């Protein structure tokens, strides 16, 4: 087995992120139940009126069934893409050294995905058919929606707006509009989408490393 420590590091980062997300999602209902019991105890000890109790329950419901989940998943997608950016940048730097290229990926135009794709295939001459960039491109658009518009697809530039609307229509765990909550035009992300996004990124980097001949996939025992 050919060992490439950068590849091992990359695989470990994304395994860690997948585990991190799974554990955080699992904690939400546990904490919610604990907070519900605290409200119940408070209402019992203080003999609060029903209206006040109802407000407390509504706030609890809104936080744990919408706001906390939205915040958790938004922050996770942003973190995931930060790691993608960092590892792509390092991947291109490694290619530059191995192929003795004068240009850096950052010398090219475009966003991180466009620059890296051009660098990998046009400058380093790695065959395009072996690496599929669509999923990381999709992730980039979701990240942009979160970072640049606070999750409002309607405020994106036309190209990204059309892109994310197509993703929403594909029923992959993205949606907008929820009559139960006030922010009805905000992007909502499911736990399943987050999990699948990590898996897609893992597959993408496996394709990159394989196409570039950088080591073999390492699976911990």
N, C-alpha and C. Protein backbone atom coordinates (compact mmCIF):
# COMPACT_ATOMS: atom_id res chain seq x y z
N UNK A 1 0.84 -1.20 0.00
CA UNK A 1 0.00 0.00 0.00
C UNK A 1 0.88 1.25 0.00
N UNK A 2 0.59 2.17 -0.92
CA UNK A 2 1.33 3.43 -1.00
C UNK A 2 0.67 4.43 -0.05
N UNK A 3 1.44 4.90 0.92
CA UNK A 3 0.90 5.82 1.93
C UNK A 3 1.18 7.26 1.53
N UNK A 4 0.13 8.07 1.53
CA UNK A 4 0.26 9.51 1.30
C UNK A 4 -0.37 10.20 2.51
N UNK A 5 0.46 10.86 3.30
CA UNK A 5 -0.03 11.41 4.57
C UNK A 5 -1.01 12.56 4.38
N UNK A 6 -0.88 13.30 3.30
CA UNK A 6 -1.85 14.36 3.03
C UNK A 6 -3.23 13.75 2.74
N UNK A 7 -3.23 12.65 2.01
CA UNK A 7 -4.51 11.97 1.73
C UNK A 7 -5.11 11.42 3.02
N UNK A 8 -4.28 10.82 3.86
CA UNK A 8 -4.77 10.30 5.14
C UNK A 8 -5.33 11.42 6.00
N UNK A 9 -4.62 12.56 6.03
CA UNK A 9 -5.10 13.71 6.79
C UNK A 9 -6.47 14.17 6.28
N UNK A 10 -6.60 14.25 4.96
CA UNK A 10 -7.85 14.72 4.36
C UNK A 10 -9.00 13.78 4.69
N UNK A 11 -8.77 12.49 4.54
CA UNK A 11 -9.80 11.51 4.87
C UNK A 11 -10.20 11.62 6.34
N UNK A 12 -9.21 11.80 7.22
CA UNK A 12 -9.48 11.92 8.64
C UNK A 12 -10.30 13.15 8.99
N UNK A 13 -10.02 14.26 8.31
CA UNK A 13 -10.77 15.49 8.55
C UNK A 13 -12.25 15.30 8.24
N UNK A 14 -12.55 14.67 7.12
CA UNK A 14 -13.96 14.52 6.73
C UNK A 14 -14.67 13.44 7.54
N UNK A 15 -13.94 12.41 7.94
CA UNK A 15 -14.55 11.43 8.87
C UNK A 15 -14.89 12.11 10.19
N UNK A 16 -13.97 12.95 10.65
CA UNK A 16 -14.22 13.68 11.90
C UNK A 16 -15.41 14.61 11.81
N UNK A 17 -15.55 15.30 10.68
CA UNK A 17 -16.69 16.19 10.49
C UNK A 17 -18.00 15.42 10.45
N UNK A 18 -17.99 14.26 9.80
CA UNK A 18 -19.20 13.44 9.75
C UNK A 18 -19.61 13.00 11.16
N UNK A 19 -18.64 12.59 11.96
CA UNK A 19 -18.91 12.16 13.33
C UNK A 19 -19.38 13.33 14.19
N UNK A 20 -18.75 14.48 14.01
CA UNK A 20 -19.11 15.71 14.72
C UNK A 20 -20.57 16.07 14.46
N UNK A 21 -20.96 16.04 13.19
CA UNK A 21 -22.34 16.40 12.84
C UNK A 21 -23.34 15.40 13.43
N UNK A 22 -23.03 14.13 13.30
CA UNK A 22 -23.94 13.09 13.82
C UNK A 22 -24.16 13.25 15.32
N UNK A 23 -23.09 13.51 16.06
CA UNK A 23 -23.21 13.63 17.51
C UNK A 23 -23.97 14.89 17.92
N UNK A 24 -23.75 16.00 17.22
CA UNK A 24 -24.47 17.23 17.55
C UNK A 24 -25.96 17.07 17.28
N UNK A 25 -26.30 16.48 16.14
CA UNK A 25 -27.72 16.28 15.81
C UNK A 25 -28.39 15.40 16.87
N UNK A 26 -27.68 14.40 17.35
CA UNK A 26 -28.25 13.48 18.34
C UNK A 26 -28.50 14.16 19.68
N UNK A 27 -27.74 15.21 19.98
CA UNK A 27 -27.89 15.89 21.26
C UNK A 27 -29.10 16.82 21.33
N UNK A 28 -29.53 17.33 20.18
CA UNK A 28 -30.62 18.32 20.17
C UNK A 28 -31.89 17.80 20.86
N UNK A 29 -32.44 16.63 20.47
CA UNK A 29 -33.67 16.17 21.15
C UNK A 29 -33.46 15.85 22.62
N UNK A 30 -32.25 15.43 22.99
CA UNK A 30 -31.96 15.14 24.40
C UNK A 30 -32.01 16.42 25.22
N UNK A 31 -31.37 17.46 24.72
CA UNK A 31 -31.37 18.75 25.41
C UNK A 31 -32.78 19.35 25.42
N UNK A 32 -33.50 19.17 24.31
CA UNK A 32 -34.87 19.69 24.22
C UNK A 32 -35.75 19.07 25.30
N UNK A 33 -35.64 17.77 25.49
CA UNK A 33 -36.44 17.10 26.52
C UNK A 33 -36.08 17.60 27.91
N UNK A 34 -34.78 17.82 28.14
CA UNK A 34 -34.33 18.33 29.43
C UNK A 34 -34.89 19.73 29.69
N UNK A 35 -34.88 20.58 28.67
CA UNK A 35 -35.40 21.94 28.82
C UNK A 35 -36.91 21.94 29.01
N UNK A 36 -37.60 21.01 28.34
CA UNK A 36 -39.05 20.89 28.51
C UNK A 36 -39.39 20.53 29.95
N UNK A 37 -38.62 19.61 30.51
CA UNK A 37 -38.86 19.20 31.90
C UNK A 37 -38.60 20.36 32.86
N UNK A 38 -37.62 21.21 32.54
CA UNK A 38 -37.35 22.38 33.38
C UNK A 38 -38.52 23.36 33.33
N UNK A 39 -39.10 23.54 32.15
CA UNK A 39 -40.26 24.44 32.01
C UNK A 39 -41.43 23.88 32.80
N UNK A 40 -41.63 22.57 32.70
CA UNK A 40 -42.72 21.92 33.43
C UNK A 40 -42.55 22.13 34.94
N UNK A 41 -41.33 21.94 35.41
CA UNK A 41 -41.06 22.10 36.84
C UNK A 41 -41.24 23.55 37.28
N UNK A 42 -40.76 24.47 36.43
CA UNK A 42 -40.93 25.91 36.72
C UNK A 42 -42.41 26.28 36.82
N UNK A 43 -43.19 25.80 35.86
CA UNK A 43 -44.62 26.12 35.84
C UNK A 43 -45.32 25.56 37.08
N UNK A 44 -44.89 24.38 37.51
CA UNK A 44 -45.50 23.74 38.67
C UNK A 44 -45.13 24.48 39.96
N UNK A 45 -43.85 24.82 40.12
CA UNK A 45 -43.39 25.46 41.36
C UNK A 45 -43.89 26.89 41.49
N UNK A 46 -43.94 27.61 40.37
CA UNK A 46 -44.32 29.02 40.40
C UNK A 46 -45.81 29.25 40.20
N UNK A 47 -46.53 28.17 39.92
CA UNK A 47 -47.98 28.26 39.65
C UNK A 47 -48.27 29.34 38.60
N UNK A 48 -47.55 29.27 37.50
CA UNK A 48 -47.70 30.30 36.45
C UNK A 48 -49.03 30.12 35.73
N UNK A 49 -49.52 31.21 35.18
CA UNK A 49 -50.75 31.16 34.40
C UNK A 49 -50.50 30.43 33.08
N UNK A 50 -51.60 29.91 32.52
CA UNK A 50 -51.47 29.12 31.30
C UNK A 50 -50.87 29.92 30.16
N UNK A 51 -51.25 31.19 30.03
CA UNK A 51 -50.74 32.02 28.93
C UNK A 51 -49.23 32.15 29.00
N UNK A 52 -48.70 32.34 30.20
CA UNK A 52 -47.25 32.47 30.37
C UNK A 52 -46.55 31.15 30.07
N UNK A 53 -47.18 30.07 30.53
CA UNK A 53 -46.64 28.73 30.25
C UNK A 53 -46.64 28.45 28.75
N UNK A 54 -47.71 28.85 28.09
CA UNK A 54 -47.84 28.62 26.65
C UNK A 54 -46.76 29.37 25.87
N UNK A 55 -46.45 30.58 26.29
CA UNK A 55 -45.39 31.36 25.65
C UNK A 55 -44.04 30.65 25.81
N UNK A 56 -43.78 30.14 27.00
CA UNK A 56 -42.52 29.45 27.26
C UNK A 56 -42.39 28.19 26.40
N UNK A 57 -43.50 27.46 26.26
CA UNK A 57 -43.49 26.24 25.44
C UNK A 57 -43.31 26.59 23.97
N UNK A 58 -43.96 27.65 23.51
CA UNK A 58 -43.81 28.08 22.12
C UNK A 58 -42.37 28.46 21.81
N UNK A 59 -41.74 29.18 22.74
CA UNK A 59 -40.35 29.58 22.54
C UNK A 59 -39.43 28.36 22.49
N UNK A 60 -39.69 27.41 23.38
CA UNK A 60 -38.91 26.18 23.41
C UNK A 60 -39.06 25.42 22.09
N UNK A 61 -40.30 25.34 21.63
CA UNK A 61 -40.59 24.64 20.38
C UNK A 61 -39.90 25.32 19.21
N UNK A 62 -39.96 26.64 19.14
CA UNK A 62 -39.35 27.39 18.04
C UNK A 62 -37.84 27.22 18.04
N UNK A 63 -37.24 27.32 19.23
CA UNK A 63 -35.78 27.19 19.32
C UNK A 63 -35.30 25.82 18.87
N UNK A 64 -35.91 24.77 19.43
CA UNK A 64 -35.38 23.43 19.21
C UNK A 64 -35.86 22.77 17.93
N UNK A 65 -36.96 23.20 17.39
CA UNK A 65 -37.45 22.60 16.15
C UNK A 65 -37.14 23.43 14.91
N UNK A 66 -36.62 24.62 15.13
CA UNK A 66 -36.29 25.45 13.97
C UNK A 66 -34.96 26.18 14.15
N UNK A 67 -34.91 27.14 15.06
CA UNK A 67 -33.77 28.05 15.11
C UNK A 67 -32.44 27.33 15.41
N UNK A 68 -32.42 26.48 16.42
CA UNK A 68 -31.18 25.79 16.77
C UNK A 68 -30.75 24.84 15.65
N UNK A 69 -31.72 24.13 15.06
CA UNK A 69 -31.40 23.21 13.97
C UNK A 69 -30.88 23.97 12.75
N UNK A 70 -31.54 25.08 12.44
CA UNK A 70 -31.09 25.89 11.31
C UNK A 70 -29.68 26.41 11.57
N UNK A 71 -29.42 26.93 12.76
CA UNK A 71 -28.10 27.46 13.09
C UNK A 71 -27.03 26.38 13.06
N UNK A 72 -27.35 25.22 13.61
CA UNK A 72 -26.41 24.10 13.61
C UNK A 72 -26.03 23.70 12.19
N UNK A 73 -27.03 23.56 11.33
CA UNK A 73 -26.77 23.07 9.97
C UNK A 73 -26.13 24.14 9.09
N UNK A 74 -26.52 25.39 9.28
CA UNK A 74 -25.84 26.48 8.55
C UNK A 74 -24.35 26.49 8.91
N UNK A 75 -24.07 26.47 10.20
CA UNK A 75 -22.67 26.55 10.63
C UNK A 75 -21.88 25.32 10.19
N UNK A 76 -22.55 24.16 10.15
CA UNK A 76 -21.86 22.95 9.72
C UNK A 76 -21.49 23.03 8.24
N UNK A 77 -22.41 23.49 7.40
CA UNK A 77 -22.13 23.60 5.97
C UNK A 77 -20.99 24.58 5.72
N UNK A 78 -20.99 25.70 6.44
CA UNK A 78 -19.90 26.68 6.29
C UNK A 78 -18.57 26.06 6.72
N UNK A 79 -18.56 25.34 7.83
CA UNK A 79 -17.35 24.68 8.30
C UNK A 79 -16.87 23.64 7.29
N UNK A 80 -17.80 22.84 6.79
CA UNK A 80 -17.45 21.81 5.81
C UNK A 80 -16.79 22.43 4.59
N UNK A 81 -17.35 23.53 4.10
CA UNK A 81 -16.78 24.15 2.91
C UNK A 81 -15.44 24.80 3.20
N UNK A 82 -15.26 25.32 4.41
CA UNK A 82 -13.95 25.85 4.79
C UNK A 82 -12.87 24.77 4.69
N UNK A 83 -13.20 23.57 5.14
CA UNK A 83 -12.24 22.47 5.06
C UNK A 83 -12.01 22.07 3.61
N UNK A 84 -13.07 22.05 2.81
CA UNK A 84 -12.93 21.77 1.38
C UNK A 84 -11.97 22.78 0.74
N UNK A 85 -12.17 24.06 1.02
CA UNK A 85 -11.30 25.11 0.47
C UNK A 85 -9.84 24.89 0.87
N UNK A 86 -9.64 24.62 2.15
CA UNK A 86 -8.28 24.45 2.65
C UNK A 86 -7.60 23.25 2.01
N UNK A 87 -8.30 22.13 1.91
CA UNK A 87 -7.71 20.91 1.35
C UNK A 87 -7.52 21.04 -0.16
N UNK A 88 -8.42 21.72 -0.84
CA UNK A 88 -8.25 21.94 -2.28
C UNK A 88 -7.02 22.82 -2.54
N UNK A 89 -6.86 23.85 -1.74
CA UNK A 89 -5.71 24.74 -1.88
C UNK A 89 -4.41 23.96 -1.67
N UNK A 90 -4.39 23.11 -0.66
CA UNK A 90 -3.20 22.30 -0.39
C UNK A 90 -2.98 21.27 -1.49
N UNK A 91 -4.05 20.71 -2.03
CA UNK A 91 -3.95 19.74 -3.12
C UNK A 91 -3.29 20.39 -4.33
N UNK A 92 -3.74 21.59 -4.68
CA UNK A 92 -3.17 22.30 -5.83
C UNK A 92 -1.71 22.68 -5.57
N UNK A 93 -1.39 23.04 -4.34
CA UNK A 93 0.00 23.36 -4.00
C UNK A 93 0.89 22.12 -4.17
N UNK A 94 0.36 20.97 -3.79
CA UNK A 94 1.11 19.72 -3.96
C UNK A 94 1.32 19.42 -5.44
N UNK A 95 0.28 19.64 -6.25
CA UNK A 95 0.41 19.45 -7.69
C UNK A 95 1.47 20.38 -8.27
N UNK A 96 1.48 21.61 -7.80
CA UNK A 96 2.47 22.58 -8.29
C UNK A 96 3.89 22.07 -8.06
N UNK A 97 4.13 21.53 -6.86
CA UNK A 97 5.46 21.02 -6.54
C UNK A 97 5.80 19.79 -7.37
N UNK A 98 4.84 18.86 -7.47
CA UNK A 98 5.12 17.60 -8.16
C UNK A 98 5.28 17.79 -9.67
N UNK A 99 4.54 18.75 -10.25
CA UNK A 99 4.60 18.98 -11.69
C UNK A 99 5.51 20.14 -12.06
N UNK A 100 6.15 20.73 -11.04
CA UNK A 100 7.07 21.85 -11.26
C UNK A 100 6.40 22.96 -12.07
N UNK A 101 5.21 23.37 -11.63
CA UNK A 101 4.44 24.40 -12.32
C UNK A 101 4.80 25.78 -11.77
N UNK A 102 4.90 26.74 -12.66
CA UNK A 102 5.26 28.10 -12.23
C UNK A 102 4.07 28.85 -11.64
N UNK A 103 2.88 28.60 -12.17
CA UNK A 103 1.68 29.28 -11.68
C UNK A 103 1.12 28.60 -10.43
N UNK A 104 0.56 29.40 -9.54
CA UNK A 104 -0.20 28.89 -8.40
C UNK A 104 -1.68 28.89 -8.77
N UNK A 105 -2.46 28.07 -8.07
CA UNK A 105 -3.91 28.05 -8.32
C UNK A 105 -4.52 29.41 -8.06
N UNK A 106 -4.02 30.11 -7.07
CA UNK A 106 -4.55 31.44 -6.72
C UNK A 106 -4.24 32.50 -7.77
N UNK A 107 -3.35 32.18 -8.71
CA UNK A 107 -3.06 33.11 -9.81
C UNK A 107 -4.17 33.10 -10.86
N UNK A 108 -5.01 32.08 -10.82
CA UNK A 108 -6.08 31.95 -11.81
C UNK A 108 -7.32 32.72 -11.38
N UNK A 109 -8.22 32.93 -12.33
CA UNK A 109 -9.46 33.65 -12.04
C UNK A 109 -10.55 32.69 -11.58
N UNK A 110 -11.55 33.26 -10.92
CA UNK A 110 -12.69 32.47 -10.49
C UNK A 110 -12.68 32.18 -9.00
N UNK A 111 -13.73 31.48 -8.55
CA UNK A 111 -13.80 31.10 -7.14
C UNK A 111 -12.90 29.89 -6.90
N UNK A 112 -12.90 29.39 -5.68
CA UNK A 112 -12.00 28.30 -5.32
C UNK A 112 -12.26 27.05 -6.16
N UNK A 113 -13.51 26.77 -6.46
CA UNK A 113 -13.84 25.59 -7.26
C UNK A 113 -13.37 25.78 -8.70
N UNK A 114 -13.66 26.92 -9.29
CA UNK A 114 -13.27 27.20 -10.68
C UNK A 114 -11.75 27.21 -10.83
N UNK A 115 -11.06 27.85 -9.90
CA UNK A 115 -9.59 27.91 -9.97
C UNK A 115 -8.98 26.52 -9.83
N UNK A 116 -9.47 25.78 -8.87
CA UNK A 116 -8.91 24.44 -8.61
C UNK A 116 -9.17 23.50 -9.78
N UNK A 117 -10.36 23.56 -10.32
CA UNK A 117 -10.70 22.69 -11.45
C UNK A 117 -9.80 22.99 -12.64
N UNK A 118 -9.61 24.26 -12.95
CA UNK A 118 -8.74 24.64 -14.06
C UNK A 118 -7.30 24.21 -13.79
N UNK A 119 -6.87 24.37 -12.56
CA UNK A 119 -5.49 24.02 -12.21
C UNK A 119 -5.25 22.52 -12.34
N UNK A 120 -6.18 21.75 -11.82
CA UNK A 120 -6.05 20.29 -11.83
C UNK A 120 -6.04 19.74 -13.25
N UNK A 121 -6.97 20.20 -14.08
CA UNK A 121 -7.13 19.59 -15.40
C UNK A 121 -6.34 20.28 -16.51
N UNK A 122 -6.25 21.59 -16.47
CA UNK A 122 -5.58 22.30 -17.57
C UNK A 122 -4.08 22.45 -17.35
N UNK A 123 -3.68 22.74 -16.13
CA UNK A 123 -2.25 22.93 -15.87
C UNK A 123 -1.55 21.63 -15.47
N UNK A 124 -2.19 20.85 -14.60
CA UNK A 124 -1.57 19.60 -14.17
C UNK A 124 -1.93 18.42 -15.07
N UNK A 125 -2.84 18.66 -16.02
CA UNK A 125 -3.20 17.66 -17.05
C UNK A 125 -3.77 16.36 -16.50
N UNK A 126 -4.52 16.45 -15.40
CA UNK A 126 -5.22 15.28 -14.87
C UNK A 126 -6.52 15.12 -15.65
N UNK A 127 -6.81 13.94 -16.19
CA UNK A 127 -8.00 13.74 -17.03
C UNK A 127 -9.29 14.15 -16.32
N UNK A 128 -10.13 14.91 -17.02
CA UNK A 128 -11.37 15.44 -16.42
C UNK A 128 -12.37 14.36 -16.08
N UNK A 129 -12.47 13.33 -16.90
CA UNK A 129 -13.51 12.33 -16.70
C UNK A 129 -13.41 11.54 -15.41
N UNK A 130 -12.27 11.63 -14.75
CA UNK A 130 -12.06 10.85 -13.53
C UNK A 130 -12.46 11.58 -12.25
N UNK A 131 -12.76 12.87 -12.38
CA UNK A 131 -13.11 13.68 -11.20
C UNK A 131 -14.42 14.40 -11.46
N UNK A 132 -15.38 14.25 -10.56
CA UNK A 132 -16.70 14.87 -10.72
C UNK A 132 -16.83 16.03 -9.73
N UNK A 133 -16.98 17.23 -10.28
CA UNK A 133 -16.96 18.46 -9.49
C UNK A 133 -18.35 18.97 -9.11
N UNK A 134 -19.40 18.36 -9.62
CA UNK A 134 -20.75 18.92 -9.45
C UNK A 134 -21.14 19.07 -7.98
N UNK A 135 -20.88 18.05 -7.18
CA UNK A 135 -21.33 18.08 -5.78
C UNK A 135 -20.64 19.17 -4.97
N UNK A 136 -19.33 19.37 -5.21
CA UNK A 136 -18.66 20.45 -4.47
C UNK A 136 -19.10 21.81 -5.00
N UNK A 137 -19.47 21.86 -6.29
CA UNK A 137 -20.04 23.10 -6.82
C UNK A 137 -21.39 23.40 -6.19
N UNK A 138 -22.20 22.37 -6.00
CA UNK A 138 -23.49 22.54 -5.32
C UNK A 138 -23.28 23.03 -3.88
N UNK A 139 -22.33 22.41 -3.20
CA UNK A 139 -22.04 22.80 -1.82
C UNK A 139 -21.61 24.26 -1.74
N UNK A 140 -20.84 24.69 -2.72
CA UNK A 140 -20.39 26.08 -2.76
C UNK A 140 -21.56 27.05 -2.86
N UNK A 141 -22.56 26.70 -3.65
CA UNK A 141 -23.73 27.57 -3.81
C UNK A 141 -24.54 27.63 -2.51
N UNK A 142 -24.70 26.50 -1.84
CA UNK A 142 -25.42 26.49 -0.56
C UNK A 142 -24.66 27.32 0.47
N UNK A 143 -23.35 27.16 0.51
CA UNK A 143 -22.52 27.96 1.41
C UNK A 143 -22.65 29.45 1.11
N UNK A 144 -22.64 29.81 -0.16
CA UNK A 144 -22.78 31.23 -0.55
C UNK A 144 -24.12 31.79 -0.11
N UNK A 145 -25.17 30.98 -0.22
CA UNK A 145 -26.50 31.42 0.19
C UNK A 145 -26.51 31.72 1.69
N UNK A 146 -25.85 30.88 2.46
CA UNK A 146 -25.79 31.09 3.91
C UNK A 146 -24.96 32.32 4.26
N UNK A 147 -23.78 32.42 3.67
CA UNK A 147 -22.82 33.46 4.05
C UNK A 147 -23.20 34.84 3.51
N UNK A 148 -23.68 34.87 2.26
CA UNK A 148 -23.90 36.17 1.61
C UNK A 148 -25.32 36.71 1.76
N UNK A 149 -26.30 35.84 2.02
CA UNK A 149 -27.69 36.32 2.12
C UNK A 149 -28.39 35.83 3.39
N UNK A 150 -27.63 35.26 4.32
CA UNK A 150 -28.20 34.70 5.55
C UNK A 150 -29.31 33.70 5.24
N UNK A 151 -29.08 32.92 4.17
CA UNK A 151 -30.00 31.84 3.84
C UNK A 151 -31.23 32.25 3.06
N UNK A 152 -31.17 33.36 2.35
CA UNK A 152 -32.32 33.82 1.56
C UNK A 152 -32.02 33.64 0.06
N UNK A 153 -32.46 32.54 -0.55
CA UNK A 153 -32.16 32.30 -1.96
C UNK A 153 -32.61 33.42 -2.89
N UNK A 154 -33.70 34.10 -2.54
CA UNK A 154 -34.22 35.16 -3.40
C UNK A 154 -33.26 36.34 -3.52
N UNK A 155 -32.31 36.45 -2.59
CA UNK A 155 -31.36 37.56 -2.60
C UNK A 155 -30.04 37.22 -3.29
N UNK A 156 -29.93 35.99 -3.78
CA UNK A 156 -28.72 35.59 -4.50
C UNK A 156 -28.69 36.21 -5.89
N UNK A 157 -27.51 36.26 -6.49
CA UNK A 157 -27.42 36.68 -7.88
C UNK A 157 -28.14 35.63 -8.74
N UNK A 158 -28.57 36.04 -9.92
CA UNK A 158 -29.47 35.20 -10.73
C UNK A 158 -28.92 33.80 -10.98
N UNK A 159 -27.62 33.69 -11.28
CA UNK A 159 -27.04 32.39 -11.59
C UNK A 159 -27.14 31.44 -10.40
N UNK A 160 -26.75 31.92 -9.22
CA UNK A 160 -26.80 31.08 -8.02
C UNK A 160 -28.24 30.83 -7.58
N UNK A 161 -29.11 31.82 -7.80
CA UNK A 161 -30.52 31.66 -7.43
C UNK A 161 -31.14 30.51 -8.22
N UNK A 162 -30.89 30.48 -9.53
CA UNK A 162 -31.42 29.40 -10.37
C UNK A 162 -30.82 28.06 -9.96
N UNK A 163 -29.54 28.07 -9.63
CA UNK A 163 -28.84 26.85 -9.23
C UNK A 163 -29.46 26.26 -7.96
N UNK A 164 -29.66 27.10 -6.95
CA UNK A 164 -30.17 26.58 -5.68
C UNK A 164 -31.65 26.20 -5.79
N UNK A 165 -32.39 26.89 -6.63
CA UNK A 165 -33.79 26.51 -6.84
C UNK A 165 -33.88 25.13 -7.48
N UNK A 166 -32.97 24.83 -8.40
CA UNK A 166 -32.93 23.49 -8.99
C UNK A 166 -32.59 22.44 -7.94
N UNK A 167 -31.71 22.78 -7.03
CA UNK A 167 -31.36 21.85 -5.96
C UNK A 167 -32.55 21.62 -5.03
N UNK A 168 -33.29 22.68 -4.72
CA UNK A 168 -34.48 22.55 -3.87
C UNK A 168 -35.51 21.66 -4.55
N UNK A 169 -35.68 21.83 -5.84
CA UNK A 169 -36.67 21.04 -6.59
C UNK A 169 -36.28 19.57 -6.68
N UNK A 170 -35.00 19.28 -6.48
CA UNK A 170 -34.52 17.90 -6.61
C UNK A 170 -34.79 17.05 -5.37
N UNK A 171 -35.38 17.65 -4.34
CA UNK A 171 -35.74 16.91 -3.11
C UNK A 171 -34.54 16.19 -2.49
N UNK A 172 -33.48 16.94 -2.25
CA UNK A 172 -32.27 16.35 -1.68
C UNK A 172 -32.04 16.80 -0.23
N UNK A 173 -33.08 17.42 0.36
CA UNK A 173 -32.95 17.85 1.75
C UNK A 173 -32.84 19.34 1.93
N UNK A 174 -33.09 20.09 0.85
CA UNK A 174 -33.13 21.55 0.92
C UNK A 174 -34.55 22.00 0.63
N UNK A 175 -35.00 23.05 1.33
CA UNK A 175 -36.35 23.55 1.11
C UNK A 175 -36.44 25.00 1.54
N UNK A 176 -37.52 25.66 1.15
CA UNK A 176 -37.85 26.99 1.66
C UNK A 176 -39.34 26.99 1.95
N UNK A 177 -39.75 27.87 2.86
CA UNK A 177 -41.17 27.98 3.15
C UNK A 177 -41.62 26.98 4.18
N UNK A 178 -41.97 27.50 5.34
CA UNK A 178 -42.48 26.65 6.41
C UNK A 178 -43.55 27.45 7.13
N UNK A 179 -44.80 27.07 6.95
CA UNK A 179 -45.91 27.86 7.48
C UNK A 179 -45.91 27.94 9.00
N UNK A 180 -45.17 27.06 9.65
CA UNK A 180 -45.16 27.04 11.11
C UNK A 180 -44.27 28.14 11.69
N UNK A 181 -43.35 28.64 10.89
CA UNK A 181 -42.39 29.62 11.38
C UNK A 181 -42.42 30.88 10.54
N UNK A 182 -41.81 31.94 11.06
CA UNK A 182 -41.94 33.26 10.44
C UNK A 182 -41.07 33.45 9.20
N UNK A 183 -39.87 32.88 9.18
CA UNK A 183 -38.95 33.10 8.07
C UNK A 183 -39.25 32.12 6.94
N UNK A 184 -40.33 32.39 6.23
CA UNK A 184 -40.83 31.41 5.27
C UNK A 184 -40.03 31.34 3.98
N UNK A 185 -39.20 32.36 3.71
CA UNK A 185 -38.40 32.32 2.49
C UNK A 185 -36.95 31.93 2.77
N UNK A 186 -36.66 31.50 3.99
CA UNK A 186 -35.29 31.12 4.36
C UNK A 186 -35.00 29.68 3.96
N UNK A 187 -33.76 29.45 3.58
CA UNK A 187 -33.33 28.10 3.22
C UNK A 187 -33.32 27.21 4.45
N UNK A 188 -33.93 26.05 4.31
CA UNK A 188 -33.93 25.06 5.39
C UNK A 188 -33.14 23.85 4.92
N UNK A 189 -32.29 23.36 5.80
CA UNK A 189 -31.38 22.26 5.47
C UNK A 189 -31.67 21.09 6.40
N UNK A 190 -31.83 19.92 5.83
CA UNK A 190 -32.10 18.74 6.66
C UNK A 190 -30.80 18.12 7.16
N UNK A 191 -30.92 17.32 8.20
CA UNK A 191 -29.76 16.59 8.71
C UNK A 191 -29.22 15.64 7.65
N UNK A 192 -30.13 15.07 6.87
CA UNK A 192 -29.73 14.12 5.83
C UNK A 192 -28.88 14.81 4.76
N UNK A 193 -29.24 16.06 4.43
CA UNK A 193 -28.44 16.79 3.44
C UNK A 193 -27.01 16.98 3.95
N UNK A 194 -26.88 17.36 5.21
CA UNK A 194 -25.54 17.57 5.79
C UNK A 194 -24.72 16.29 5.74
N UNK A 195 -25.33 15.18 6.13
CA UNK A 195 -24.62 13.90 6.11
C UNK A 195 -24.19 13.51 4.70
N UNK A 196 -25.11 13.70 3.75
CA UNK A 196 -24.80 13.36 2.36
C UNK A 196 -23.74 14.29 1.79
N UNK A 197 -23.74 15.55 2.20
CA UNK A 197 -22.74 16.51 1.71
C UNK A 197 -21.33 16.05 2.10
N UNK A 198 -21.17 15.56 3.33
CA UNK A 198 -19.85 15.07 3.75
C UNK A 198 -19.46 13.85 2.93
N UNK A 199 -20.40 12.94 2.72
CA UNK A 199 -20.11 11.74 1.92
C UNK A 199 -19.69 12.12 0.50
N UNK A 200 -20.41 13.08 -0.09
CA UNK A 200 -20.09 13.51 -1.45
C UNK A 200 -18.69 14.12 -1.53
N UNK A 201 -18.34 14.90 -0.52
CA UNK A 201 -17.01 15.51 -0.48
C UNK A 201 -15.93 14.43 -0.33
N UNK A 202 -16.20 13.43 0.48
CA UNK A 202 -15.25 12.33 0.64
C UNK A 202 -15.01 11.61 -0.68
N UNK A 203 -16.08 11.35 -1.41
CA UNK A 203 -15.96 10.70 -2.72
C UNK A 203 -15.18 11.58 -3.68
N UNK A 204 -15.47 12.88 -3.68
CA UNK A 204 -14.79 13.82 -4.56
C UNK A 204 -13.28 13.81 -4.32
N UNK A 205 -12.86 13.88 -3.07
CA UNK A 205 -11.42 13.89 -2.79
C UNK A 205 -10.78 12.54 -3.09
N UNK A 206 -11.51 11.45 -2.90
CA UNK A 206 -10.98 10.14 -3.32
C UNK A 206 -10.71 10.14 -4.82
N UNK A 207 -11.63 10.70 -5.59
CA UNK A 207 -11.44 10.78 -7.04
C UNK A 207 -10.23 11.64 -7.39
N UNK A 208 -10.08 12.76 -6.70
CA UNK A 208 -8.93 13.64 -6.94
C UNK A 208 -7.62 12.92 -6.66
N UNK A 209 -7.53 12.31 -5.50
CA UNK A 209 -6.29 11.63 -5.13
C UNK A 209 -5.99 10.47 -6.07
N UNK A 210 -7.02 9.70 -6.42
CA UNK A 210 -6.82 8.57 -7.33
C UNK A 210 -6.36 9.04 -8.71
N UNK A 211 -7.02 10.09 -9.22
CA UNK A 211 -6.68 10.60 -10.55
C UNK A 211 -5.26 11.16 -10.59
N UNK A 212 -4.83 11.74 -9.47
CA UNK A 212 -3.48 12.32 -9.41
C UNK A 212 -2.42 11.30 -9.00
N UNK A 213 -2.87 10.08 -8.67
CA UNK A 213 -1.92 9.04 -8.26
C UNK A 213 -1.28 9.31 -6.91
N UNK A 214 -2.05 9.95 -6.02
CA UNK A 214 -1.53 10.28 -4.69
C UNK A 214 -1.98 9.24 -3.66
N UNK A 215 -1.21 8.19 -3.51
CA UNK A 215 -1.49 7.19 -2.49
C UNK A 215 -2.74 6.38 -2.76
N UNK A 216 -3.16 5.65 -1.73
CA UNK A 216 -4.36 4.83 -1.80
C UNK A 216 -5.29 5.21 -0.65
N UNK A 217 -6.58 4.91 -0.85
CA UNK A 217 -7.56 5.20 0.19
C UNK A 217 -7.21 4.41 1.44
N UNK A 218 -7.22 5.11 2.58
CA UNK A 218 -6.88 4.47 3.85
C UNK A 218 -8.11 4.36 4.70
N UNK A 219 -8.40 3.15 5.17
CA UNK A 219 -9.55 2.91 6.04
C UNK A 219 -9.05 2.48 7.41
N UNK A 220 -9.36 3.25 8.46
CA UNK A 220 -8.89 2.88 9.80
C UNK A 220 -9.51 1.58 10.27
N UNK A 221 -8.75 0.80 11.06
CA UNK A 221 -9.25 -0.46 11.56
C UNK A 221 -9.97 -0.25 12.87
